[in-house]
Protein backbone atom coordinates (compact mmCIF):
# COMPACT_ATOMS: atom_id res chain seq x y z
CA UNK A 1 -101.95 -64.51 -28.74
CA UNK A 2 -100.80 -62.50 -25.89
CA UNK A 3 -99.65 -65.15 -23.81
CA UNK A 4 -97.17 -66.55 -26.03
CA UNK A 5 -95.60 -62.88 -25.38
CA UNK A 6 -95.36 -63.30 -21.86
CA UNK A 7 -92.40 -64.98 -20.08
CA UNK A 8 -93.20 -67.17 -17.31
CA UNK A 9 -93.10 -66.31 -13.57
CA UNK A 10 -91.27 -69.87 -12.56
CA UNK A 11 -88.47 -68.47 -10.42
CA UNK A 12 -88.85 -69.02 -6.70
CA UNK A 13 -87.00 -66.55 -3.99
CA UNK A 14 -84.53 -69.17 -3.88
CA UNK A 15 -83.85 -69.03 -7.05
CA UNK A 16 -83.33 -65.14 -7.08
CA UNK A 17 -81.37 -65.17 -4.50
CA UNK A 18 -78.78 -67.42 -5.74
CA UNK A 19 -78.73 -65.95 -9.07
CA UNK A 20 -77.45 -62.57 -7.40
CA UNK A 21 -74.98 -64.50 -5.92
CA UNK A 22 -74.02 -66.36 -9.10
CA UNK A 23 -73.63 -63.51 -11.59
CA UNK A 24 -70.78 -62.34 -8.69
CA UNK A 25 -69.46 -65.06 -8.32
CA UNK A 26 -67.43 -66.15 -11.22
CA UNK A 27 -64.01 -65.32 -13.37
CA UNK A 28 -63.96 -61.89 -11.61
CA UNK A 29 -62.61 -64.13 -8.60
CA UNK A 30 -61.64 -67.31 -9.46
CA UNK A 31 -59.39 -66.02 -12.08
CA UNK A 32 -59.48 -62.12 -12.44
CA UNK A 33 -58.27 -62.17 -8.99
CA UNK A 34 -54.84 -62.84 -10.59
CA UNK A 35 -54.66 -59.81 -12.73
CA UNK A 36 -56.18 -57.80 -9.36
CA UNK A 37 -52.99 -59.09 -7.24
CA UNK A 38 -50.44 -58.14 -9.75
CA UNK A 39 -51.71 -54.38 -9.90
CA UNK A 40 -52.44 -53.78 -6.17
CA UNK A 41 -50.71 -56.59 -4.19
CA UNK A 42 -52.29 -57.32 -1.02
CA UNK A 43 -54.26 -53.94 -0.79
CA UNK A 44 -56.77 -54.89 -3.72
CA UNK A 45 -58.87 -55.96 -0.69
CA UNK A 46 -59.29 -52.37 -0.01
CA UNK A 47 -60.51 -52.08 -4.03
CA UNK A 48 -63.03 -54.65 -3.34
CA UNK A 49 -64.49 -53.16 -0.39
CA UNK A 50 -64.77 -49.64 -1.70
CA UNK A 51 -66.54 -51.37 -4.65
CA UNK A 52 -68.97 -53.79 -2.45
CA UNK A 53 -70.25 -50.30 -0.99
CA UNK A 54 -70.86 -48.89 -4.19
CA UNK A 55 -72.53 -52.11 -5.34
CA UNK A 56 -74.57 -51.79 -2.31
CA UNK A 57 -76.15 -48.12 -3.14
CA UNK A 58 -76.72 -49.26 -6.52
CA UNK A 59 -78.94 -52.54 -5.88
CA UNK A 60 -80.53 -50.36 -3.23
CA UNK A 61 -81.59 -48.36 -5.32
CA UNK A 62 -82.28 -50.78 -8.19
CA UNK A 63 -84.55 -52.77 -5.20
CA UNK A 64 -86.39 -49.51 -4.31
CA UNK A 65 -87.43 -48.95 -7.85
CA UNK A 66 -88.12 -52.12 -8.54
CA UNK A 67 -90.87 -52.40 -5.81
CA UNK A 68 -92.57 -48.85 -6.94
CA UNK A 69 -92.74 -50.22 -10.23
CA UNK A 70 -93.63 -53.99 -10.08
CA UNK A 71 -93.07 -56.07 -13.33
CA UNK A 72 -90.33 -53.34 -14.99
CA UNK A 73 -86.92 -54.70 -15.28
CA UNK A 74 -83.86 -52.64 -15.15
CA UNK A 75 -84.30 -51.81 -19.19
CA UNK A 76 -87.75 -50.93 -18.40
CA UNK A 77 -87.06 -48.71 -15.46
CA UNK A 78 -84.30 -46.89 -17.76
CA UNK A 79 -86.85 -46.34 -20.20
CA UNK A 80 -89.16 -44.82 -18.02
CA UNK A 81 -86.74 -42.64 -16.61
CA UNK A 82 -84.91 -41.37 -19.44
CA UNK A 83 -87.00 -42.25 -22.77
CA UNK A 84 -86.05 -44.08 -26.21
CA UNK A 85 -82.62 -43.02 -26.25
CA UNK A 86 -81.22 -43.82 -23.30
CA UNK A 87 -82.53 -46.53 -22.77
CA UNK A 88 -81.48 -47.86 -26.36
CA UNK A 89 -78.45 -47.38 -25.54
CA UNK A 90 -78.18 -48.99 -22.08
CA UNK A 91 -79.86 -51.91 -23.39
CA UNK A 92 -77.81 -52.82 -26.05
CA UNK A 93 -74.49 -51.82 -23.98
CA UNK A 94 -75.88 -54.42 -21.27
CA UNK A 95 -76.30 -57.00 -23.92
CA UNK A 96 -73.08 -56.36 -25.32
CA UNK A 97 -71.82 -56.67 -21.84
CA UNK A 98 -72.67 -59.78 -20.52
CA UNK A 99 -72.36 -61.24 -24.13
CA UNK A 100 -68.58 -60.37 -23.21
CA UNK A 101 -68.96 -61.57 -19.66
CA UNK A 102 -70.34 -64.71 -20.90
CA UNK A 103 -67.32 -65.12 -23.58
CA UNK A 104 -64.90 -64.99 -20.66
CA UNK A 105 -66.59 -67.28 -18.65
CA UNK A 106 -66.75 -69.93 -20.89
CA UNK A 107 -63.69 -69.31 -21.99
CA UNK A 108 -62.48 -69.50 -18.08
CA UNK A 109 -64.04 -72.74 -18.22
CA UNK A 110 -61.84 -74.22 -21.21
CA UNK A 111 -58.79 -72.86 -19.23
CA UNK A 112 -59.72 -74.52 -16.25
CA UNK A 113 -60.19 -77.45 -18.12
CA UNK A 114 -56.95 -77.74 -19.21
CA UNK A 115 -55.15 -78.24 -16.12
CA UNK A 116 -56.61 -81.84 -16.66
CA UNK A 117 -56.37 -81.73 -20.72
CA UNK A 118 -53.50 -79.57 -21.54
CA UNK A 119 -53.06 -81.37 -24.91
CA UNK A 120 -56.58 -80.33 -26.12
CA UNK A 121 -56.57 -76.44 -27.71
CA UNK A 122 -58.77 -74.17 -25.29
CA UNK A 123 -60.93 -73.31 -28.39
CA UNK A 124 -62.48 -76.79 -28.37
CA UNK A 125 -62.90 -77.30 -24.99
CA UNK A 126 -64.69 -73.50 -24.33
CA UNK A 127 -66.92 -75.03 -27.22
CA UNK A 128 -67.72 -77.90 -25.39
CA UNK A 129 -68.82 -75.63 -22.60
CA UNK A 130 -71.11 -73.80 -24.38
CA UNK A 131 -72.92 -75.99 -25.90
CA UNK A 132 -73.22 -77.66 -22.38
CA UNK A 133 -74.77 -74.14 -21.60
CA UNK A 134 -76.70 -72.66 -24.23
CA UNK A 135 -78.77 -76.39 -23.80
CA UNK A 136 -79.13 -75.57 -20.60
CA UNK A 137 -80.99 -72.39 -20.98
CA UNK A 138 -83.68 -74.01 -23.49
CA UNK A 139 -85.83 -75.46 -20.97
CA UNK A 140 -88.70 -73.60 -19.04
CA UNK A 141 -87.33 -70.54 -16.53
CA UNK A 142 -88.08 -72.70 -13.22
CA UNK A 143 -85.21 -75.36 -14.59
CA UNK A 144 -82.68 -72.91 -15.44
CA UNK A 145 -83.79 -71.33 -12.06
CA UNK A 146 -82.99 -74.92 -10.79
CA UNK A 147 -80.00 -75.30 -12.75
CA UNK A 148 -78.65 -72.33 -11.30
CA UNK A 149 -79.24 -72.67 -7.54
CA UNK A 150 -77.33 -75.83 -7.68
CA UNK A 151 -74.58 -74.18 -9.41
CA UNK A 152 -74.41 -71.41 -7.14
CA UNK A 153 -74.69 -74.02 -4.10
CA UNK A 154 -71.56 -75.69 -5.31
CA UNK A 155 -68.90 -72.93 -5.75
CA UNK A 156 -70.67 -71.15 -2.37
CA UNK A 157 -69.73 -73.96 -0.34
CA UNK A 158 -66.52 -74.47 -1.82
CA UNK A 159 -65.43 -70.76 -0.99
CA UNK A 160 -66.54 -70.98 2.76
CA UNK A 161 -64.72 -74.28 2.58
CA UNK A 162 -61.48 -72.24 1.23
CA UNK A 163 -62.03 -69.94 3.61
CA UNK A 164 -62.09 -71.84 7.03
CA UNK A 165 -59.44 -74.55 5.43
CA UNK A 166 -57.33 -70.65 4.32
CA UNK A 167 -57.80 -69.63 8.42
CA UNK A 168 -56.72 -73.05 9.63
CA UNK A 169 -53.38 -73.20 7.94
CA UNK A 170 -53.11 -69.42 8.56
CA UNK A 171 -53.39 -69.79 12.18
CA UNK A 172 -51.47 -73.54 12.25
CA UNK A 173 -54.58 -75.43 12.80
CA UNK A 174 -53.69 -76.89 9.64
CA UNK A 175 -49.93 -78.45 9.52
CA UNK A 176 -49.13 -77.51 5.47
CA UNK A 177 -45.60 -76.85 3.64
CA UNK A 178 -46.02 -73.17 4.38
CA UNK A 179 -44.12 -71.44 6.93
CA UNK A 180 -44.66 -68.24 8.65
CA UNK A 181 -47.40 -67.20 6.45
CA UNK A 182 -48.34 -63.37 7.67
CA UNK A 183 -45.31 -62.64 6.85
CA UNK A 184 -46.62 -62.40 3.34
CA UNK A 185 -48.53 -59.52 3.99
CA UNK A 186 -45.55 -57.32 4.47
CA UNK A 187 -42.87 -58.94 2.20
CA UNK A 188 -42.75 -58.57 -1.27
CA UNK A 189 -43.28 -54.19 -1.52
CA UNK A 190 -45.69 -54.30 1.85
CA UNK A 191 -49.60 -54.30 1.75
CA UNK A 192 -49.26 -51.64 -0.70
CA UNK A 193 -46.83 -52.39 -3.29
CA UNK A 194 -47.79 -49.85 -5.34
CA UNK A 195 -49.14 -47.49 -3.56
CA UNK A 196 -52.60 -45.88 -3.80
CA UNK A 197 -52.27 -44.91 -6.82
CA UNK A 198 -52.20 -49.35 -7.55
CA UNK A 199 -54.76 -49.96 -5.37
CA UNK A 200 -57.55 -47.81 -7.17
CA UNK A 201 -55.98 -49.04 -10.81
CA UNK A 202 -57.42 -52.66 -9.69
CA UNK A 203 -61.46 -50.96 -9.84
CA UNK A 204 -62.09 -51.81 -13.62
CA UNK A 205 -61.45 -55.72 -13.22
CA UNK A 206 -63.21 -55.13 -9.48
CA UNK A 207 -66.26 -53.99 -11.41
CA UNK A 208 -66.17 -56.38 -13.48
CA UNK A 209 -65.93 -59.04 -10.64
CA UNK A 210 -69.06 -57.35 -9.09
CA UNK A 211 -70.93 -57.39 -12.54
CA UNK A 212 -73.66 -59.44 -12.68
CA UNK A 213 -75.44 -58.74 -9.10
CA UNK A 214 -77.92 -56.30 -10.62
CA UNK A 215 -78.98 -59.23 -12.82
CA UNK A 216 -81.91 -59.61 -10.17
CA UNK A 217 -83.08 -56.65 -11.58
CA UNK A 218 -83.54 -58.39 -14.81
CA UNK A 219 -84.85 -61.06 -13.37
CA UNK A 220 -87.79 -59.88 -11.57
CA UNK A 221 -90.09 -59.70 -14.45
CA UNK A 222 -90.17 -63.43 -13.76
CA UNK A 223 -89.81 -63.98 -10.22
CA UNK A 224 -92.81 -64.50 -8.06
CA UNK A 225 -93.66 -62.07 -4.78
CA UNK A 226 -90.14 -60.16 -6.20
CA UNK A 227 -91.46 -57.08 -3.64
CA UNK A 228 -90.67 -59.42 -0.99
CA UNK A 229 -87.92 -61.00 -2.03
CA UNK A 230 -85.53 -58.05 -3.80
CA UNK A 231 -85.10 -56.37 -0.04
CA UNK A 232 -83.80 -59.76 1.64
CA UNK A 233 -80.97 -60.27 -1.31
CA UNK A 234 -80.29 -56.68 -1.19
CA UNK A 235 -79.86 -56.40 2.48
CA UNK A 236 -77.01 -59.60 2.06
CA UNK A 237 -74.90 -57.80 -0.34
CA UNK A 238 -72.18 -56.48 2.15
CA UNK A 239 -71.79 -59.40 3.95
CA UNK A 240 -71.62 -61.51 0.54
CA UNK A 241 -69.05 -59.05 -0.66
CA UNK A 242 -66.78 -59.64 2.41
CA UNK A 243 -67.35 -63.40 2.82
CA UNK A 244 -66.98 -64.01 -1.05
CA UNK A 245 -64.41 -61.74 -2.01
CA UNK A 246 -62.29 -59.57 0.80
CA UNK A 247 -61.66 -63.31 3.07
CA UNK A 248 -60.58 -65.24 0.20
CA UNK A 249 -58.29 -62.76 -1.12
CA UNK A 250 -56.42 -62.08 2.14
CA UNK A 251 -56.26 -65.95 2.53
CA UNK A 252 -54.44 -66.20 -0.96
CA UNK A 253 -51.95 -63.39 -0.24
CA UNK A 254 -50.95 -64.57 3.61
CA UNK A 255 -50.73 -68.63 1.93
CA UNK A 256 -48.11 -67.54 -1.16
CA UNK A 257 -46.09 -64.04 -1.98
CA UNK A 258 -48.95 -62.36 -3.95
CA UNK A 259 -46.02 -61.45 -6.84
CA UNK A 260 -45.89 -65.79 -7.67
CA UNK A 261 -49.49 -65.55 -8.73
CA UNK A 262 -49.09 -66.40 -12.65
CA UNK A 263 -52.38 -65.94 -13.95
CA UNK A 264 -52.21 -69.40 -15.35
CA UNK A 265 -54.08 -71.53 -13.50
CA UNK A 266 -56.19 -69.78 -10.67
CA UNK A 267 -54.63 -68.33 -7.55
CA UNK A 268 -57.05 -70.99 -5.60
CA UNK A 269 -55.57 -73.49 -7.48
CA UNK A 270 -52.24 -72.05 -7.24
CA UNK A 271 -52.55 -72.03 -3.43
CA UNK A 272 -54.39 -75.62 -2.49
CA UNK A 273 -51.20 -77.27 -4.92
CA UNK A 274 -48.49 -75.27 -2.33
CA UNK A 275 -50.34 -76.55 0.71
CA UNK A 276 -49.37 -79.95 0.04
CA UNK A 277 -52.63 -81.25 0.48
CA UNK A 278 -53.71 -84.22 -0.98
CA UNK A 279 -56.05 -83.95 -3.95
CA UNK A 280 -57.21 -79.88 -2.89
CA UNK A 281 -56.17 -78.62 -5.95
CA UNK A 282 -58.31 -81.16 -8.34
CA UNK A 283 -61.47 -80.49 -6.47
CA UNK A 284 -60.73 -76.66 -6.67
CA UNK A 285 -60.57 -77.17 -10.37
CA UNK A 286 -63.37 -78.78 -10.37
CA UNK A 287 -65.22 -76.40 -8.43
CA UNK A 288 -63.75 -73.52 -10.46
CA UNK A 289 -65.08 -75.14 -13.23
CA UNK A 290 -68.65 -75.38 -12.06
CA UNK A 291 -68.31 -71.16 -10.66
CA UNK A 292 -67.40 -69.91 -14.29
CA UNK A 293 -69.97 -72.47 -15.82
CA UNK A 294 -72.44 -70.87 -13.28
CA UNK A 295 -71.76 -67.46 -14.45
CA UNK A 296 -71.95 -68.42 -18.07
CA UNK A 297 -75.37 -69.65 -17.59
CA UNK A 298 -76.21 -66.77 -15.37
CA UNK A 299 -75.07 -64.37 -18.76
CA UNK A 300 -77.26 -66.59 -21.44
CA UNK A 301 -80.17 -65.35 -19.15
CA UNK A 302 -79.25 -61.92 -19.14
CA UNK A 303 -78.47 -61.46 -22.52
CA UNK A 304 -81.86 -63.39 -23.92
CA UNK A 305 -84.00 -61.34 -21.32
CA UNK A 306 -82.74 -57.94 -22.25
CA UNK A 307 -82.90 -58.59 -25.50
CA UNK A 308 -86.42 -59.42 -25.12
CA UNK A 309 -87.01 -56.44 -22.88
CA UNK A 310 -85.71 -54.20 -25.82
CA UNK A 311 -87.69 -55.42 -28.48
CA UNK A 312 -91.19 -55.15 -26.14
CA UNK A 313 -89.93 -51.45 -25.84
CA UNK A 314 -89.22 -51.11 -29.85
CA UNK A 315 -85.62 -50.85 -29.48
CA UNK A 316 -84.89 -54.29 -31.21
CA UNK A 317 -86.70 -56.34 -33.97
CA UNK A 318 -89.71 -57.63 -33.30
CA UNK A 319 -88.96 -61.25 -33.81
CA UNK A 320 -87.50 -61.23 -30.78
CA UNK A 321 -90.34 -61.12 -28.98
CA UNK A 322 -91.21 -65.01 -29.50
CA UNK A 323 -91.86 -67.31 -27.12
CA UNK A 324 -91.45 -71.10 -27.48
CA UNK A 325 -93.70 -73.56 -25.74
CA UNK A 326 -91.45 -73.40 -22.90
CA UNK A 327 -92.06 -70.02 -21.92
CA UNK A 328 -88.33 -68.47 -23.38
CA UNK A 329 -87.46 -65.88 -25.68
CA UNK A 330 -86.16 -68.96 -28.37
CA UNK A 331 -84.80 -66.46 -31.26
CA UNK A 332 -82.93 -64.00 -28.14
CA UNK A 333 -80.95 -67.40 -26.86
CA UNK A 334 -80.39 -68.30 -30.28
CA UNK A 335 -78.51 -65.31 -31.13
CA UNK A 336 -76.66 -65.02 -28.13
CA UNK A 337 -75.25 -68.68 -29.39
CA UNK A 338 -74.13 -67.36 -32.26
CA UNK A 339 -72.14 -64.62 -30.51
CA UNK A 340 -70.67 -66.96 -28.26
CA UNK A 341 -69.28 -68.63 -30.74
CA UNK A 342 -67.68 -65.77 -32.02
CA UNK A 343 -66.10 -65.35 -28.73
CA UNK A 344 -64.57 -69.03 -28.66
CA UNK A 345 -62.89 -68.28 -32.31
CA UNK A 346 -61.24 -65.55 -31.08
CA UNK A 347 -59.69 -68.23 -28.87
CA UNK A 348 -58.76 -69.90 -31.35
CA UNK A 349 -57.07 -67.30 -32.76
CA UNK A 350 -55.53 -66.09 -29.74
CA UNK A 351 -55.50 -68.27 -27.14
CA UNK A 352 -53.15 -66.60 -25.02
CA UNK A 353 -54.31 -62.97 -24.48
CA UNK A 354 -58.10 -63.16 -25.32
CA UNK A 355 -59.24 -63.80 -21.71
CA UNK A 356 -57.50 -60.56 -20.10
CA UNK A 357 -58.66 -58.24 -23.25
CA UNK A 358 -62.11 -59.01 -22.99
CA UNK A 359 -62.18 -58.46 -18.77
CA UNK A 360 -61.49 -55.09 -19.22
CA UNK A 361 -64.71 -53.95 -21.25
CA UNK A 362 -67.47 -55.14 -19.26
CA UNK A 363 -65.72 -53.23 -16.24
CA UNK A 364 -66.52 -50.25 -18.51
CA UNK A 365 -69.82 -51.29 -19.27
CA UNK A 366 -70.63 -52.27 -15.89
CA UNK A 367 -69.39 -48.74 -14.62
CA UNK A 368 -72.21 -46.90 -17.11
CA UNK A 369 -74.99 -49.34 -16.45
CA UNK A 370 -75.00 -48.69 -12.64
CA UNK A 371 -74.28 -44.96 -13.49
CA UNK A 372 -77.76 -45.09 -15.52
CA UNK A 373 -79.55 -47.15 -12.43
CA UNK A 374 -78.45 -43.83 -9.80
CA UNK A 375 -79.67 -41.25 -12.57
CA UNK A 376 -82.79 -43.54 -13.14
CA UNK A 377 -83.52 -43.61 -9.44
CA UNK A 378 -82.99 -39.55 -8.94
CA UNK A 379 -85.15 -38.93 -11.54
CA UNK A 380 -88.09 -41.16 -10.60
CA UNK A 381 -88.09 -40.72 -7.08
CA UNK A 382 -90.19 -37.70 -7.34
CA UNK A 383 -92.69 -39.72 -9.49
CA UNK A 384 -93.85 -42.04 -6.85
CA UNK A 385 -97.29 -42.07 -6.38
CA UNK A 386 -96.14 -43.10 -2.17
CA UNK A 387 -92.94 -43.92 -0.68
CA UNK A 388 -91.81 -47.78 -0.86
CA UNK A 389 -91.00 -49.50 2.76
CA UNK A 390 -87.74 -49.99 1.65
CA UNK A 391 -85.55 -47.17 -0.01
CA UNK A 392 -82.37 -45.76 -0.39
CA UNK A 393 -80.99 -44.21 2.85
CA UNK A 394 -79.65 -40.44 2.96
CA UNK A 395 -81.01 -39.66 -0.20
CA UNK A 396 -80.46 -38.10 -2.26
CA UNK A 397 -77.00 -37.68 -1.31
CA UNK A 398 -76.19 -41.26 -0.86
CA UNK A 399 -76.97 -41.72 -4.97
CA UNK A 400 -75.26 -38.69 -5.98
CA UNK A 401 -72.27 -39.66 -4.20
CA UNK A 402 -72.33 -43.17 -5.95
CA UNK A 403 -73.44 -41.82 -9.48
CA UNK A 404 -70.05 -39.07 -8.74
CA UNK A 405 -68.20 -42.13 -7.64
CA UNK A 406 -68.59 -44.39 -10.54
CA UNK A 407 -67.94 -41.34 -13.25
CA UNK A 408 -64.54 -40.19 -11.78
CA UNK A 409 -63.64 -44.41 -12.30
CA UNK A 410 -65.01 -43.92 -15.54
CA UNK A 411 -63.25 -41.04 -16.97
CA UNK A 412 -60.15 -42.12 -15.26
CA UNK A 413 -59.90 -45.72 -16.42
CA UNK A 414 -60.98 -43.71 -19.89
CA UNK A 415 -57.80 -41.53 -19.95
CA UNK A 416 -55.35 -44.41 -18.48
CA UNK A 417 -53.08 -45.26 -21.13
CA UNK A 418 -52.97 -48.76 -19.60
CA UNK A 419 -56.29 -49.49 -20.72
CA UNK A 420 -56.19 -48.25 -24.16
CA UNK A 421 -57.69 -50.98 -26.13
CA UNK A 422 -60.60 -51.41 -23.40
CA UNK A 423 -61.04 -47.86 -23.68
CA UNK A 424 -61.35 -47.44 -27.60
CA UNK A 425 -63.32 -50.30 -27.86
CA UNK A 426 -65.99 -48.43 -25.31
CA UNK A 427 -65.73 -45.09 -26.90
CA UNK A 428 -66.37 -46.69 -30.52
CA UNK A 429 -69.27 -49.00 -29.04
CA UNK A 430 -70.92 -46.28 -26.90
CA UNK A 431 -70.48 -44.26 -30.39
CA UNK A 432 -72.21 -46.40 -32.91
CA UNK A 433 -75.16 -47.08 -30.55
CA UNK A 434 -75.60 -43.12 -30.40
CA UNK A 435 -75.92 -42.70 -33.89
CA UNK A 436 -78.46 -46.28 -34.03
CA UNK A 437 -80.79 -44.87 -31.63
CA UNK A 438 -81.26 -41.98 -33.43
CA UNK A 439 -82.02 -44.31 -36.22
CA UNK A 440 -84.18 -46.58 -34.36
CA UNK A 441 -85.85 -43.79 -33.63
CA UNK A 442 -86.61 -42.23 -36.79
CA UNK A 443 -87.52 -45.64 -37.43
CA UNK A 444 -90.11 -46.32 -34.88
CA UNK A 445 -91.72 -43.15 -35.02
CA UNK A 446 -92.68 -43.74 -38.83
CA UNK A 447 -93.59 -47.67 -37.96
CA UNK A 448 -95.93 -46.21 -35.66
CA UNK A 449 -97.49 -43.01 -37.34
CA UNK A 450 -98.12 -46.02 -40.25
CA UNK A 451 -99.87 -48.36 -37.77
CA UNK A 452 -101.86 -46.00 -36.78
CA UNK A 453 -102.76 -44.32 -40.23
CA UNK A 454 -103.74 -47.40 -41.19
CA UNK A 455 -106.04 -48.02 -37.77
CA UNK A 456 -107.69 -44.52 -38.56
CA UNK A 457 -108.23 -45.04 -41.97
CA UNK A 458 -111.94 -46.30 -43.61
């Protein structure tokens, strides 16, 4: 029956707004900020700002297309613009991206739990987190949206509290053990300790951090009044970038020397530990756990809905179209859970380096996804029956600049020896997906021809 093949529209406007935030605020800022600080020092805030400008253009292009083509998500839009091959590659690439992201978030949750349970192995703590998050996604989408709303609410409140507390300490309003915090911005090699090159090198983790904001383009098919909701969410993108990325990084660099960020614990917990405020580090660690579990929650949603969309387009097996009584793609969630379980196994094999290695891969895939969104808008704009009320300003120059910038970032990292592992994995995945796209295209054409012959036969 048709209703069994349709996802329920259970997401409310407030759910979508917080899902967009939830995808952006996770391991990338709470854990990945230690990596970016070690790569670029305080100058990493400029990388976050430039990345935020690219994000804004991509999100605006996505919202414009979503308004013109209601009920089409990112996967459908790419298919409409470029057909089967590109859609197949982008869809599976995005699915792999979110599988890796979800694994990273769950492993990060396990690593934060080790702050309280140092003797328990990372893989076991991560496994418990996985069971919790997968269970949450087995409910109706409106309950997922509600859980994500409160998850995201906790981390947003905590970030705002951290910012207020940090500025209070920086300006001497709140007493602490830190003397002359502003000297940390210019000491230890200055604001650009590794020059402009160091700042640019941090872009890959920055892209990983921002990846997830485009999740609203996946959620659009389950959103009520999407054409009214999306523009409001997009318009707030830049202030979110400034509020939730740039300000916390500036505070961390002021309250402790950037070269003392270890990466073992979150920089947020490190900062609150050295301030001497009683209980602050434990409260922040609790918030960090809810934050990364929230991002993992979004990851399972993204992977399952992307797989469902690909099954609709014939790019994935039809068995992934199965919808449970709760209106969720049950087979898609099951496959996602199995893949995450493999990620937990990696934590068992290499607990020390697994998170750092995995974080480089989504940076590549997010750049490719954002590029495909920009190219899709460039292709589809001329096909609009009427111009939408919300659109990219100074088109096509804005979209072209964003596309070229993303491609320059992509190729600069591909040929960077420091990213050898991530580059190799990304290129191998791209090559395999290209081959599989042609194999599946031929299989799909044969299947369509057989079905047509059966219908026409007397």
